[in-house]
Amino acid sequence: MRDDDHDEVLARRAADGDSGALDALLRNHTALVHGVCRRILGNPDDALDATQEALVAIARKIGSFDGRSKFSTWAYRVATNAALDEARRRSRRPVPMESLPEPGRSSHASPTDAGIADRLDVDAALAQLTPEYRAAVALRDLVGMDYAEISDVLGIPPGTVRSRISRGRAALADLLGNRETPSEHPTA
């Protein structure tokens, strides 16, 4: 049985009140939900808050999963909404200056250090994008979803998805000091 099929069976059982099926679904998707929240929010503490909110929402709303999309797509939608809600809450709170990592690399950095520095630079740049651009770019480039799935997750037309990804990538390129237009990844 494919994972998607297994998720659909677990979701139906969970909707019918099977707490073991719900536990299995949540265990299977916690890391993916957290990954989406982390990439959208950039802040590990906020990502944990959003992950918890998303998992609670999945548990509460499991009966509304209708199977029109894959369970993982539905879970990504819930996670994205939780992350965007957390971003809105965060925007109303003061942010300490040291919360964002400083971009830049040491000339004496090892390849591992350089990879970590690159990731921190990307995370810092992502944090500067609007939540709408950040969500679209993260779902496409970091999660690997196709445009139709992102459209479904964000509840926006595919053309808007393409526009947000294009503008988000251009903004990232500017923030990271790459003035060339980012290339498009092949669609799945």
C-alpha atoms as a PDB file:
ATOM      1  CA  MET A   1       0.000   0.000   0.000  1.00  0.00           C
ATOM      2  CA  ARG A   2       1.397   3.418  -0.962  1.00  0.00           C
ATOM      3  CA  ASP A   3       1.929   5.947   1.838  1.00  0.00           C
ATOM      4  CA  ASP A   4      -0.790   8.170   0.347  1.00  0.00           C
ATOM      5  CA  ASP A   5      -3.263   5.271   0.362  1.00  0.00           C
ATOM      6  CA  HIS A   6      -2.250   4.367   3.915  1.00  0.00           C
ATOM      7  CA  ASP A   7      -2.772   7.989   4.994  1.00  0.00           C
ATOM      8  CA  GLU A   8      -6.241   8.031   3.425  1.00  0.00           C
ATOM      9  CA  VAL A   9      -7.211   4.859   5.323  1.00  0.00           C
ATOM     10  CA  LEU A  10      -5.813   6.258   8.578  1.00  0.00           C
ATOM     11  CA  ALA A  11      -7.629   9.565   8.014  1.00  0.00           C
ATOM     12  CA  ARG A  12     -10.983   7.805   7.468  1.00  0.00           C
ATOM     13  CA  ARG A  13     -10.428   5.706  10.585  1.00  0.00           C
ATOM     14  CA  ALA A  14      -9.388   8.768  12.595  1.00  0.00           C
ATOM     15  CA  ALA A  15     -12.495  10.651  11.418  1.00  0.00           C
ATOM     16  CA  ASP A  16     -14.555   7.709  12.667  1.00  0.00           C
ATOM     17  CA  GLY A  17     -13.026   8.102  16.130  1.00  0.00           C
ATOM     18  CA  ASP A  18     -10.038   5.722  16.002  1.00  0.00           C
ATOM     19  CA  SER A  19      -7.508   7.486  18.238  1.00  0.00           C
ATOM     20  CA  GLY A  20      -4.753   5.032  17.265  1.00  0.00           C
ATOM     21  CA  ALA A  21      -5.181   5.977  13.607  1.00  0.00           C
ATOM     22  CA  LEU A  22      -5.065   9.669  14.507  1.00  0.00           C
ATOM     23  CA  ASP A  23      -1.897   9.121  16.566  1.00  0.00           C
ATOM     24  CA  ALA A  24      -0.277   7.285  13.648  1.00  0.00           C
ATOM     25  CA  LEU A  25      -1.222  10.063  11.198  1.00  0.00           C
ATOM     26  CA  LEU A  26       0.169  12.759  13.478  1.00  0.00           C
ATOM     27  CA  ARG A  27       3.382  10.785  14.103  1.00  0.00           C
ATOM     28  CA  ASN A  28       3.843  10.209  10.365  1.00  0.00           C
ATOM     29  CA  HIS A  29       3.437  13.893   9.491  1.00  0.00           C
ATOM     30  CA  THR A  30       4.865  15.807  12.471  1.00  0.00           C
ATOM     31  CA  ALA A  31       8.328  16.245  10.922  1.00  0.00           C
ATOM     32  CA  LEU A  32       6.877  17.415   7.594  1.00  0.00           C
ATOM     33  CA  VAL A  33       4.470  19.816   9.293  1.00  0.00           C
ATOM     34  CA  HIS A  34       7.307  21.198  11.412  1.00  0.00           C
ATOM     35  CA  GLY A  35       9.505  21.564   8.328  1.00  0.00           C
ATOM     36  CA  VAL A  36       6.871  23.653   6.571  1.00  0.00           C
ATOM     37  CA  CYS A  37       6.325  25.818   9.652  1.00  0.00           C
ATOM     38  CA  ARG A  38      10.070  26.272  10.178  1.00  0.00           C
ATOM     39  CA  ARG A  39      10.685  27.354   6.610  1.00  0.00           C
ATOM     40  CA  ILE A  40       7.739  29.743   6.557  1.00  0.00           C
ATOM     41  CA  LEU A  41       8.523  31.292   9.932  1.00  0.00           C
ATOM     42  CA  GLY A  42      12.320  31.053  10.127  1.00  0.00           C
ATOM     43  CA  ASN A  43      12.248  31.170  13.912  1.00  0.00           C
ATOM     44  CA  PRO A  44      12.513  27.769  15.646  1.00  0.00           C
ATOM     45  CA  ASP A  45      10.357  28.764  18.627  1.00  0.00           C
ATOM     46  CA  ASP A  46       7.613  30.208  16.445  1.00  0.00           C
ATOM     47  CA  ALA A  47       7.816  27.121  14.230  1.00  0.00           C
ATOM     48  CA  LEU A  48       7.271  24.866  17.237  1.00  0.00           C
ATOM     49  CA  ASP A  49       4.242  26.943  18.274  1.00  0.00           C
ATOM     50  CA  ALA A  50       2.816  26.782  14.753  1.00  0.00           C
ATOM     51  CA  THR A  51       3.531  23.038  14.527  1.00  0.00           C
ATOM     52  CA  GLN A  52       1.636  22.437  17.742  1.00  0.00           C
ATOM     53  CA  GLU A  53      -1.269  24.569  16.511  1.00  0.00           C
ATOM     54  CA  ALA A  54      -1.275  22.715  13.181  1.00  0.00           C
ATOM     55  CA  LEU A  55      -1.290  19.278  14.809  1.00  0.00           C
ATOM     56  CA  VAL A  56      -4.126  20.296  17.130  1.00  0.00           C
ATOM     57  CA  ALA A  57      -6.041  21.676  14.130  1.00  0.00           C
ATOM     58  CA  ILE A  58      -5.466  18.451  12.172  1.00  0.00           C
ATOM     59  CA  ALA A  59      -6.801  16.431  15.114  1.00  0.00           C
ATOM     60  CA  ARG A  60      -9.815  18.729  15.554  1.00  0.00           C
ATOM     61  CA  LYS A  61     -10.625  18.979  11.839  1.00  0.00           C
ATOM     62  CA  ILE A  62      -9.866  15.411  10.725  1.00  0.00           C
ATOM     63  CA  GLY A  63     -13.581  14.922  10.064  1.00  0.00           C
ATOM     64  CA  SER A  64     -13.469  17.698   7.466  1.00  0.00           C
ATOM     65  CA  PHE A  65     -10.800  15.918   5.402  1.00  0.00           C
ATOM     66  CA  ASP A  66     -12.841  14.843   2.396  1.00  0.00           C
ATOM     67  CA  GLY A  67     -10.228  12.956   0.382  1.00  0.00           C
ATOM     68  CA  ARG A  68     -10.393  15.274  -2.659  1.00  0.00           C
ATOM     69  CA  SER A  69      -6.661  15.846  -2.231  1.00  0.00           C
ATOM     70  CA  LYS A  70      -3.927  13.730  -0.700  1.00  0.00           C
ATOM     71  CA  PHE A  71      -3.860  13.797   3.089  1.00  0.00           C
ATOM     72  CA  SER A  72      -0.351  15.268   2.984  1.00  0.00           C
ATOM     73  CA  THR A  73      -1.591  18.178   0.841  1.00  0.00           C
ATOM     74  CA  TRP A  74      -4.422  18.817   3.302  1.00  0.00           C
ATOM     75  CA  ALA A  75      -1.972  18.626   6.229  1.00  0.00           C
ATOM     76  CA  TYR A  76       0.376  21.080   4.461  1.00  0.00           C
ATOM     77  CA  ARG A  77      -2.569  23.459   4.038  1.00  0.00           C
ATOM     78  CA  VAL A  78      -3.327  23.272   7.764  1.00  0.00           C
ATOM     79  CA  ALA A  79       0.375  23.732   8.607  1.00  0.00           C
ATOM     80  CA  THR A  80       0.748  26.674   6.224  1.00  0.00           C
ATOM     81  CA  ASN A  81      -2.308  28.372   7.690  1.00  0.00           C
ATOM     82  CA  ALA A  82      -0.981  27.822  11.219  1.00  0.00           C
ATOM     83  CA  ALA A  83       2.404  29.253  10.218  1.00  0.00           C
ATOM     84  CA  LEU A  84       0.856  32.277   8.512  1.00  0.00           C
ATOM     85  CA  ASP A  85      -1.345  32.867  11.586  1.00  0.00           C
ATOM     86  CA  GLU A  86       1.748  32.675  13.783  1.00  0.00           C
ATOM     87  CA  ALA A  87       3.559  35.118  11.455  1.00  0.00           C
ATOM     88  CA  ARG A  88       0.675  37.575  11.846  1.00  0.00           C
ATOM     89  CA  ARG A  89       0.772  37.189  15.643  1.00  0.00           C
ATOM     90  CA  ARG A  90       4.557  37.588  15.604  1.00  0.00           C
ATOM     91  CA  SER A  91       4.316  40.778  13.542  1.00  0.00           C
ATOM     92  CA  ARG A  92       2.439  42.354  16.439  1.00  0.00           C
ATOM     93  CA  ARG A  93       5.221  41.452  18.927  1.00  0.00           C
ATOM     94  CA  PRO A  94       8.558  43.237  19.304  1.00  0.00           C
ATOM     95  CA  VAL A  95      11.481  41.260  17.871  1.00  0.00           C
ATOM     96  CA  PRO A  96      14.872  41.275  19.627  1.00  0.00           C
ATOM     97  CA  MET A  97      17.715  42.388  17.355  1.00  0.00           C
ATOM     98  CA  GLU A  98      19.741  39.209  17.806  1.00  0.00           C
ATOM     99  CA  SER A  99      16.911  36.921  16.637  1.00  0.00           C
ATOM    100  CA  LEU A 100      18.066  36.934  12.996  1.00  0.00           C
ATOM    101  CA  PRO A 101      21.415  35.376  12.120  1.00  0.00           C
ATOM    102  CA  GLU A 102      23.961  37.673  10.530  1.00  0.00           C
ATOM    103  CA  PRO A 103      24.636  36.792   6.895  1.00  0.00           C
ATOM    104  CA  GLY A 104      28.233  36.260   5.856  1.00  0.00           C
ATOM    105  CA  ARG A 105      30.927  33.650   5.961  1.00  0.00           C
ATOM    106  CA  SER A 106      34.365  33.365   7.409  1.00  0.00           C
ATOM    107  CA  SER A 107      37.148  32.920   4.879  1.00  0.00           C
ATOM    108  CA  HIS A 108      38.499  30.109   7.085  1.00  0.00           C
ATOM    109  CA  ALA A 109      35.247  28.141   7.149  1.00  0.00           C
ATOM    110  CA  SER A 110      35.212  24.423   6.481  1.00  0.00           C
ATOM    111  CA  PRO A 111      32.850  23.051   3.805  1.00  0.00           C
ATOM    112  CA  THR A 112      30.430  22.054   6.566  1.00  0.00           C
ATOM    113  CA  ASP A 113      30.622  25.522   8.113  1.00  0.00           C
ATOM    114  CA  ALA A 114      30.067  27.077   4.687  1.00  0.00           C
ATOM    115  CA  GLY A 115      26.990  24.876   4.145  1.00  0.00           C
ATOM    116  CA  ILE A 116      25.611  25.908   7.524  1.00  0.00           C
ATOM    117  CA  ALA A 117      26.384  29.555   6.771  1.00  0.00           C
ATOM    118  CA  ASP A 118      24.613  29.251   3.409  1.00  0.00           C
ATOM    119  CA  ARG A 119      21.566  27.750   5.099  1.00  0.00           C
ATOM    120  CA  LEU A 120      21.556  30.518   7.714  1.00  0.00           C
ATOM    121  CA  ASP A 121      21.824  33.108   4.943  1.00  0.00           C
ATOM    122  CA  VAL A 122      18.864  31.556   3.110  1.00  0.00           C
ATOM    123  CA  ASP A 123      16.845  31.331   6.343  1.00  0.00           C
ATOM    124  CA  ALA A 124      17.615  34.981   7.163  1.00  0.00           C
ATOM    125  CA  ALA A 125      16.649  36.052   3.644  1.00  0.00           C
ATOM    126  CA  LEU A 126      13.444  33.968   3.756  1.00  0.00           C
ATOM    127  CA  ALA A 127      12.551  35.654   7.045  1.00  0.00           C
ATOM    128  CA  GLN A 128      12.615  39.016   5.254  1.00  0.00           C
ATOM    129  CA  LEU A 129      10.053  37.979   2.619  1.00  0.00           C
ATOM    130  CA  THR A 130       6.363  38.625   3.158  1.00  0.00           C
ATOM    131  CA  PRO A 131       4.609  35.551   4.581  1.00  0.00           C
ATOM    132  CA  GLU A 132       2.744  35.034   1.289  1.00  0.00           C
ATOM    133  CA  TYR A 133       5.944  34.916  -0.789  1.00  0.00           C
ATOM    134  CA  ARG A 134       7.759  32.910   1.885  1.00  0.00           C
ATOM    135  CA  ALA A 135       5.008  30.261   1.964  1.00  0.00           C
ATOM    136  CA  ALA A 136       4.917  29.875  -1.829  1.00  0.00           C
ATOM    137  CA  VAL A 137       8.718  29.670  -2.173  1.00  0.00           C
ATOM    138  CA  ALA A 138       9.094  27.292   0.785  1.00  0.00           C
ATOM    139  CA  LEU A 139       6.394  24.934  -0.465  1.00  0.00           C
ATOM    140  CA  ARG A 140       7.902  24.867  -3.982  1.00  0.00           C
ATOM    141  CA  ASP A 141      11.643  24.962  -3.456  1.00  0.00           C
ATOM    142  CA  LEU A 142      12.032  23.427  -0.023  1.00  0.00           C
ATOM    143  CA  VAL A 143       9.122  20.985   0.195  1.00  0.00           C
ATOM    144  CA  GLY A 144       9.044  20.178  -3.543  1.00  0.00           C
ATOM    145  CA  MET A 145       5.328  20.594  -4.128  1.00  0.00           C
ATOM    146  CA  ASP A 146       4.067  21.259  -7.642  1.00  0.00           C
ATOM    147  CA  TYR A 147       2.072  24.373  -8.531  1.00  0.00           C
ATOM    148  CA  ALA A 148      -1.306  22.634  -8.369  1.00  0.00           C
ATOM    149  CA  GLU A 149      -0.594  21.331  -4.867  1.00  0.00           C
ATOM    150  CA  ILE A 150       0.581  24.754  -3.715  1.00  0.00           C
ATOM    151  CA  SER A 151      -2.542  26.298  -5.231  1.00  0.00           C
ATOM    152  CA  ASP A 152      -4.623  23.828  -3.241  1.00  0.00           C
ATOM    153  CA  VAL A 153      -2.651  24.360  -0.015  1.00  0.00           C
ATOM    154  CA  LEU A 154      -2.740  28.156  -0.172  1.00  0.00           C
ATOM    155  CA  GLY A 155      -6.233  28.384  -1.653  1.00  0.00           C
ATOM    156  CA  ILE A 156      -5.120  30.679  -4.465  1.00  0.00           C
ATOM    157  CA  PRO A 157      -5.165  30.302  -8.273  1.00  0.00           C
ATOM    158  CA  PRO A 158      -2.141  28.638  -9.948  1.00  0.00           C
ATOM    159  CA  GLY A 159      -1.246  31.897 -11.701  1.00  0.00           C
ATOM    160  CA  THR A 160      -0.981  33.629  -8.338  1.00  0.00           C
ATOM    161  CA  VAL A 161       1.222  30.778  -7.095  1.00  0.00           C
ATOM    162  CA  ARG A 162       3.572  31.261 -10.064  1.00  0.00           C
ATOM    163  CA  SER A 163       3.658  35.008  -9.497  1.00  0.00           C
ATOM    164  CA  ARG A 164       4.405  34.689  -5.770  1.00  0.00           C
ATOM    165  CA  ILE A 165       7.146  32.142  -6.419  1.00  0.00           C
ATOM    166  CA  SER A 166       8.705  34.297  -9.118  1.00  0.00           C
ATOM    167  CA  ARG A 167       8.590  37.460  -7.020  1.00  0.00           C
ATOM    168  CA  GLY A 168       9.738  35.616  -3.902  1.00  0.00           C
ATOM    169  CA  ARG A 169      12.702  34.091  -5.736  1.00  0.00           C
ATOM    170  CA  ALA A 170      13.638  37.478  -7.189  1.00  0.00           C
ATOM    171  CA  ALA A 171      13.509  39.042  -3.730  1.00  0.00           C
ATOM    172  CA  LEU A 172      15.627  36.189  -2.329  1.00  0.00           C
ATOM    173  CA  ALA A 173      18.171  36.642  -5.115  1.00  0.00           C
ATOM    174  CA  ASP A 174      18.394  40.348  -4.269  1.00  0.00           C
ATOM    175  CA  LEU A 175      18.728  39.666  -0.547  1.00  0.00           C
ATOM    176  CA  LEU A 176      21.417  37.044  -1.143  1.00  0.00           C
ATOM    177  CA  GLY A 177      23.346  39.281  -3.517  1.00  0.00           C
ATOM    178  CA  ASN A 178      22.580  37.327  -6.689  1.00  0.00           C
ATOM    179  CA  ARG A 179      21.267  39.776  -9.268  1.00  0.00           C
ATOM    180  CA  GLU A 180      20.659  37.080 -11.899  1.00  0.00           C
ATOM    181  CA  THR A 181      17.121  35.788 -12.260  1.00  0.00           C
ATOM    182  CA  PRO A 182      16.702  32.518 -10.338  1.00  0.00           C
ATOM    183  CA  SER A 183      16.084  29.586 -12.652  1.00  0.00           C
ATOM    184  CA  GLU A 184      12.852  27.656 -12.573  1.00  0.00           C
ATOM    185  CA  HIS A 185      12.875  24.130 -11.246  1.00  0.00           C
ATOM    186  CA  PRO A 186      11.052  21.578 -13.413  1.00  0.00           C
ATOM    187  CA  THR A 187       7.467  20.998 -12.323  1.00  0.00           C
ATOM    188  CA  ALA A 188       6.502  17.615 -11.045  1.00  0.00           C
END
